[in-house]
Amino acid sequence: MEEGGKLGGEQKNTLSVKDAFQDFKGRRAALIKALTTEVEEFFKQCDPEKENLCLFGLPNEQWEVNLPAEEVPPELPEPVLGINFARDGMQEKEWLSLVAVHSDAWLLSVAFFYAARFGFDKSDRKRLFNMINDLPTVYEVVTGATKKQQKEKSTVSNHRSNKSKSNSKKKARESQGKFTKLLQKYDVEGEEEEEEGLDEKEAEDEQGETLCGACGEKYAEDEFWICCDICEMWFHGKCVKITPARAEFIKQYRCPPCSNKRART
């Protein structure tokens, strides 16, 4: 288990708002992986026969299920105890949602523990909270609330037709997810008339609204993205462990949540 007071393994005597936010992002990404793309392994580790277990998110985006710290008081605030006891006593979806809610509470407690420990003033605390609040919560990602929000945005902003979406998804898998280059490639292949109404500004607007279904962060041009053919959510390739080379051989991509649903039905 990590030692409290360390950010990415390095002891710091001072801490900036940016440092605290990067620590928050790393821990958040770890928790989201445990509750979405790596949920099967997380489920196995939460054995109800064991003692009180906690889900820890580490700054390096790794997670672990472990016992709480022995020292009292602990160096850092601790996650909720005993998440393993309810694993088999309620539906998996509800259990994961409950763990996600407590994970959000823990993330905020750690962030503002650092804010207090390193003397953030009112403006710094407000800045840190605003940076955190710009990201979807772990609960929103796990329960699919971000999907609903994206669909509502899509309706309001009058996005392209379903046919154009389907074509763009196919091109995304073939061209490392760079959206503007996809449009250029599509035009070269003789489909100018179908895509004539989509200009560069509209592409940039859609990029800015697109969030990864796993980590909840926005699209970036230098990252590979892939879209699920079932739920139509976009994911960073690194979040779902899909490379551009592997994507070329996938005829129909199913994201981890959709694959899990299919396996349980």
Protein backbone atom coordinates (compact mmCIF):
# COMPACT_ATOMS: atom_id res chain seq x y z
CA MET A 1 0.00 0.00 0.00
CA GLU A 2 1.22 3.52 -0.75
CA GLU A 3 2.49 5.66 2.07
CA GLY A 4 0.43 8.75 2.75
CA GLY A 5 1.87 12.13 1.92
CA LYS A 6 3.57 10.90 -1.24
CA LEU A 7 2.63 12.10 -4.70
CA GLY A 8 3.65 9.57 -7.33
CA GLY A 9 6.23 8.12 -4.95
CA GLU A 10 8.00 11.43 -4.33
CA GLN A 11 7.90 13.14 -0.93
CA LYS A 12 7.04 16.82 -1.20
CA ASN A 13 7.28 19.54 1.43
CA THR A 14 5.16 21.94 -0.59
CA LEU A 15 2.26 21.31 -2.90
CA SER A 16 0.66 23.42 -5.63
CA VAL A 17 -2.94 23.35 -6.82
CA LYS A 18 -1.72 21.69 -10.01
CA ASP A 19 0.07 18.98 -8.02
CA ALA A 20 -3.04 18.28 -5.95
CA PHE A 21 -5.17 18.07 -9.08
CA GLN A 22 -2.75 15.70 -10.82
CA ASP A 23 -2.82 13.50 -7.73
CA PHE A 24 -6.64 13.57 -7.84
CA LYS A 25 -6.70 12.67 -11.55
CA GLY A 26 -4.35 9.73 -11.08
CA ARG A 27 -6.36 8.29 -8.21
CA ARG A 28 -9.64 8.90 -10.05
CA ALA A 29 -8.42 7.14 -13.20
CA ALA A 30 -7.37 4.16 -11.08
CA LEU A 31 -10.76 3.87 -9.39
CA ILE A 32 -12.59 4.13 -12.72
CA LYS A 33 -10.48 1.30 -14.12
CA ALA A 34 -11.29 -0.89 -11.13
CA LEU A 35 -15.02 -0.28 -11.50
CA THR A 36 -15.28 -0.48 -15.31
CA THR A 37 -12.60 -1.97 -17.56
CA GLU A 38 -11.03 -4.13 -14.81
CA VAL A 39 -14.21 -4.89 -12.89
CA GLU A 40 -13.82 -8.68 -13.11
CA GLU A 41 -10.49 -8.58 -11.29
CA PHE A 42 -11.86 -6.07 -8.78
CA PHE A 43 -14.84 -8.37 -8.11
CA LYS A 44 -12.53 -11.32 -7.44
CA GLN A 45 -10.37 -9.39 -4.98
CA CYS A 46 -13.37 -8.29 -2.90
CA ASP A 47 -13.79 -11.66 -1.20
CA PRO A 48 -16.53 -11.45 1.48
CA GLU A 49 -14.67 -14.08 3.51
CA LYS A 50 -11.78 -11.67 4.12
CA GLU A 51 -11.57 -8.88 6.69
CA ASN A 52 -12.63 -5.27 6.12
CA LEU A 53 -11.25 -4.28 2.70
CA CYS A 54 -10.89 -0.88 1.04
CA LEU A 55 -10.48 0.19 -2.59
CA PHE A 56 -7.44 2.44 -2.93
CA GLY A 57 -6.69 4.56 -5.99
CA LEU A 58 -3.01 5.43 -6.34
CA PRO A 59 -1.52 8.55 -7.99
CA ASN A 60 0.10 6.37 -10.69
CA GLU A 61 -3.36 5.28 -11.94
CA GLN A 62 -3.09 1.85 -10.33
CA TRP A 63 -5.65 0.50 -7.85
CA GLU A 64 -5.53 -2.06 -5.08
CA VAL A 65 -7.96 -3.74 -2.70
CA ASN A 66 -6.33 -3.88 0.70
CA LEU A 67 -6.75 -3.61 4.46
CA PRO A 68 -6.77 -0.12 5.99
CA ALA A 69 -3.59 1.35 7.41
CA GLU A 70 -2.65 0.13 10.88
CA GLU A 71 -1.54 3.45 12.30
CA VAL A 72 -4.08 5.74 13.97
CA PRO A 73 -4.64 8.34 12.74
CA PRO A 74 -3.61 7.32 9.21
CA GLU A 75 -1.35 9.52 7.10
CA LEU A 76 -4.15 10.09 4.57
CA PRO A 77 -7.95 9.86 4.80
CA GLU A 78 -9.01 6.27 4.14
CA PRO A 79 -11.65 4.85 1.80
CA VAL A 80 -14.82 3.32 3.17
CA LEU A 81 -14.29 0.02 5.00
CA GLY A 82 -15.86 -3.34 4.26
CA ILE A 83 -16.80 -2.98 0.59
CA ASN A 84 -16.29 -6.74 0.20
CA PHE A 85 -19.03 -7.72 2.68
CA ALA A 86 -21.89 -6.48 0.48
CA ARG A 87 -20.49 -7.92 -2.76
CA ASP A 88 -22.77 -10.97 -2.84
CA GLY A 89 -25.64 -9.41 -0.91
CA MET A 90 -26.87 -7.04 -3.60
CA GLN A 91 -27.00 -6.75 -7.39
CA GLU A 92 -23.60 -6.16 -8.94
CA LYS A 93 -24.66 -2.91 -10.62
CA GLU A 94 -25.94 -1.48 -7.33
CA TRP A 95 -22.85 -2.64 -5.47
CA LEU A 96 -20.50 -1.02 -7.98
CA SER A 97 -22.54 2.20 -7.88
CA LEU A 98 -22.31 2.29 -4.09
CA VAL A 99 -18.55 1.76 -4.17
CA ALA A 100 -18.31 4.51 -6.80
CA VAL A 101 -20.19 6.99 -4.57
CA HIS A 102 -17.86 6.30 -1.64
CA SER A 103 -14.87 6.53 -3.98
CA ASP A 104 -15.93 10.04 -5.04
CA ALA A 105 -16.21 11.07 -1.39
CA TRP A 106 -12.76 9.65 -0.66
CA LEU A 107 -11.17 11.43 -3.63
CA LEU A 108 -12.47 14.79 -2.42
CA SER A 109 -11.35 14.10 1.14
CA VAL A 110 -7.80 13.34 -0.03
CA ALA A 111 -7.66 16.42 -2.27
CA PHE A 112 -8.80 18.76 0.48
CA PHE A 113 -6.63 17.03 3.05
CA TYR A 114 -3.69 18.18 0.93
CA ALA A 115 -5.28 21.63 0.62
CA ALA A 116 -5.42 21.94 4.39
CA ARG A 117 -2.04 20.36 5.05
CA PHE A 118 -0.21 22.60 2.60
CA GLY A 119 -2.04 25.80 3.48
CA PHE A 120 -4.15 26.50 0.39
CA ASP A 121 -6.00 29.79 0.79
CA LYS A 122 -9.63 30.36 -0.19
CA SER A 123 -8.86 31.12 -3.85
CA ASP A 124 -6.61 28.05 -4.17
CA ARG A 125 -9.26 25.80 -2.64
CA LYS A 126 -11.89 27.22 -4.97
CA ARG A 127 -9.59 26.74 -7.97
CA LEU A 128 -8.89 23.13 -6.97
CA PHE A 129 -12.58 22.37 -6.54
CA ASN A 130 -13.47 23.93 -9.91
CA MET A 131 -10.80 21.83 -11.65
CA ILE A 132 -12.15 18.70 -9.98
CA ASN A 133 -15.76 19.63 -10.69
CA ASP A 134 -15.05 19.91 -14.44
CA LEU A 135 -14.54 16.13 -14.53
CA PRO A 136 -17.42 13.62 -14.36
CA THR A 137 -17.59 11.85 -11.02
CA VAL A 138 -16.63 8.20 -10.69
CA TYR A 139 -20.30 7.49 -10.01
CA GLU A 140 -21.36 9.22 -13.25
CA VAL A 141 -18.87 7.20 -15.28
CA VAL A 142 -19.74 3.87 -13.64
CA THR A 143 -23.52 4.32 -13.90
CA GLY A 144 -23.45 5.68 -17.45
CA ALA A 145 -24.72 9.14 -16.52
CA THR A 146 -22.08 10.65 -18.82
CA LYS A 147 -23.66 8.73 -21.72
CA LYS A 148 -27.04 10.32 -21.01
CA GLN A 149 -25.49 13.77 -20.80
CA GLN A 150 -23.73 13.26 -24.14
CA LYS A 151 -26.96 12.15 -25.82
CA GLU A 152 -28.76 15.25 -24.53
CA LYS A 153 -25.95 17.45 -25.86
CA SER A 154 -26.17 15.64 -29.17
CA THR A 155 -29.89 16.41 -29.48
CA VAL A 156 -29.52 20.08 -28.57
CA SER A 157 -26.58 20.74 -30.87
CA ASN A 158 -28.13 18.90 -33.88
CA HIS A 159 -25.21 16.58 -34.61
CA ARG A 160 -24.78 14.77 -37.87
CA SER A 161 -27.12 12.02 -39.08
CA ASN A 162 -26.81 8.43 -37.86
CA LYS A 163 -25.26 7.43 -41.17
CA SER A 164 -22.49 10.01 -40.81
CA LYS A 165 -21.85 8.82 -37.24
CA SER A 166 -21.50 5.25 -38.42
CA ASN A 167 -19.04 6.22 -41.14
CA SER A 168 -16.99 8.32 -38.71
CA LYS A 169 -16.79 5.46 -36.21
CA LYS A 170 -15.43 3.16 -38.90
CA LYS A 171 -12.83 5.70 -39.97
CA ALA A 172 -11.82 6.33 -36.35
CA ARG A 173 -10.72 2.73 -35.95
CA GLU A 174 -8.70 2.90 -39.17
CA SER A 175 -6.92 6.21 -38.67
CA GLN A 176 -5.88 6.41 -35.01
CA GLY A 177 -8.91 8.44 -33.99
CA LYS A 178 -7.82 11.83 -35.28
CA PHE A 179 -11.18 13.31 -36.11
CA THR A 180 -10.20 16.09 -38.50
CA LYS A 181 -7.97 13.74 -40.51
CA LEU A 182 -10.85 11.31 -40.71
CA LEU A 183 -12.96 13.92 -42.45
CA GLN A 184 -10.18 14.73 -44.91
CA LYS A 185 -9.68 11.04 -45.72
CA TYR A 186 -13.41 10.58 -46.19
CA ASP A 187 -13.50 13.44 -48.72
CA VAL A 188 -10.56 11.97 -50.68
CA GLU A 189 -12.44 8.69 -51.07
CA GLY A 190 -15.17 10.41 -53.04
CA GLU A 191 -17.78 11.03 -50.34
CA GLU A 192 -17.60 14.86 -50.49
CA GLU A 193 -21.33 15.31 -51.04
CA GLU A 194 -22.41 13.38 -47.94
CA GLU A 195 -19.98 15.27 -45.68
CA GLU A 196 -20.31 18.69 -47.37
CA GLY A 197 -22.27 20.16 -44.46
CA LEU A 198 -19.62 19.37 -41.85
CA ASP A 199 -16.94 22.06 -41.66
CA GLU A 200 -13.87 22.34 -39.49
CA LYS A 201 -15.62 24.33 -36.77
CA GLU A 202 -18.32 21.71 -36.32
CA ALA A 203 -15.67 19.01 -36.03
CA GLU A 204 -13.87 20.97 -33.33
CA ASP A 205 -17.14 21.53 -31.44
CA GLU A 206 -17.91 17.81 -31.46
CA GLN A 207 -14.39 16.99 -30.31
CA GLY A 208 -14.75 19.39 -27.40
CA GLU A 209 -18.01 17.71 -26.28
CA THR A 210 -16.82 14.12 -26.63
CA LEU A 211 -15.82 12.43 -23.37
CA CYS A 212 -14.15 9.08 -22.88
CA GLY A 213 -16.61 6.53 -21.51
CA ALA A 214 -13.94 5.08 -19.22
CA CYS A 215 -11.99 8.02 -17.76
CA GLY A 216 -14.44 10.82 -18.59
CA GLU A 217 -11.81 13.11 -20.08
CA LYS A 218 -12.13 15.05 -23.33
CA TYR A 219 -10.94 14.18 -26.82
CA ALA A 220 -7.38 15.16 -27.76
CA GLU A 221 -6.03 15.13 -31.32
CA ASP A 222 -2.87 13.24 -30.42
CA GLU A 223 -4.76 10.30 -28.87
CA PHE A 224 -6.28 7.19 -30.45
CA TRP A 225 -10.00 6.76 -29.86
CA ILE A 226 -12.42 3.93 -30.61
CA CYS A 227 -16.22 3.88 -30.53
CA CYS A 228 -18.38 1.03 -29.22
CA ASP A 229 -20.73 -0.25 -31.92
CA ILE A 230 -23.31 -1.17 -29.28
CA CYS A 231 -23.66 1.87 -26.99
CA GLU A 232 -21.89 4.36 -29.33
CA MET A 233 -19.65 5.64 -26.54
CA TRP A 234 -16.10 6.75 -27.39
CA PHE A 235 -13.08 5.49 -25.45
CA HIS A 236 -9.37 6.28 -25.33
CA GLY A 237 -7.57 3.29 -26.80
CA LYS A 238 -5.30 3.16 -23.76
CA CYS A 239 -8.30 3.05 -21.39
CA VAL A 240 -9.75 -0.06 -23.05
CA LYS A 241 -6.39 -1.55 -24.08
CA ILE A 242 -7.00 -1.31 -27.84
CA THR A 243 -4.19 -0.23 -30.17
CA PRO A 244 -4.68 1.24 -33.67
CA ALA A 245 -3.18 -1.92 -35.19
CA ARG A 246 -5.56 -4.17 -33.29
CA ALA A 247 -8.55 -1.96 -34.14
CA GLU A 248 -8.04 -2.61 -37.86
CA PHE A 249 -9.03 -6.25 -37.35
CA ILE A 250 -12.12 -5.58 -35.22
CA LYS A 251 -15.31 -5.79 -37.29
CA GLN A 252 -17.65 -4.86 -34.42
CA TYR A 253 -16.15 -3.35 -31.27
CA ARG A 254 -17.85 -3.91 -27.91
CA CYS A 255 -16.64 -1.84 -24.97
CA PRO A 256 -15.97 -3.61 -21.63
CA PRO A 257 -19.32 -2.59 -20.03
CA CYS A 258 -21.27 -3.87 -23.05
CA SER A 259 -19.20 -7.07 -23.14
CA ASN A 260 -19.87 -7.64 -19.44
CA LYS A 261 -23.61 -7.15 -19.94
CA ARG A 262 -23.60 -9.70 -22.76
CA ALA A 263 -21.63 -12.22 -20.69
CA ARG A 264 -24.06 -12.00 -17.76
CA THR A 265 -27.23 -12.36 -19.86
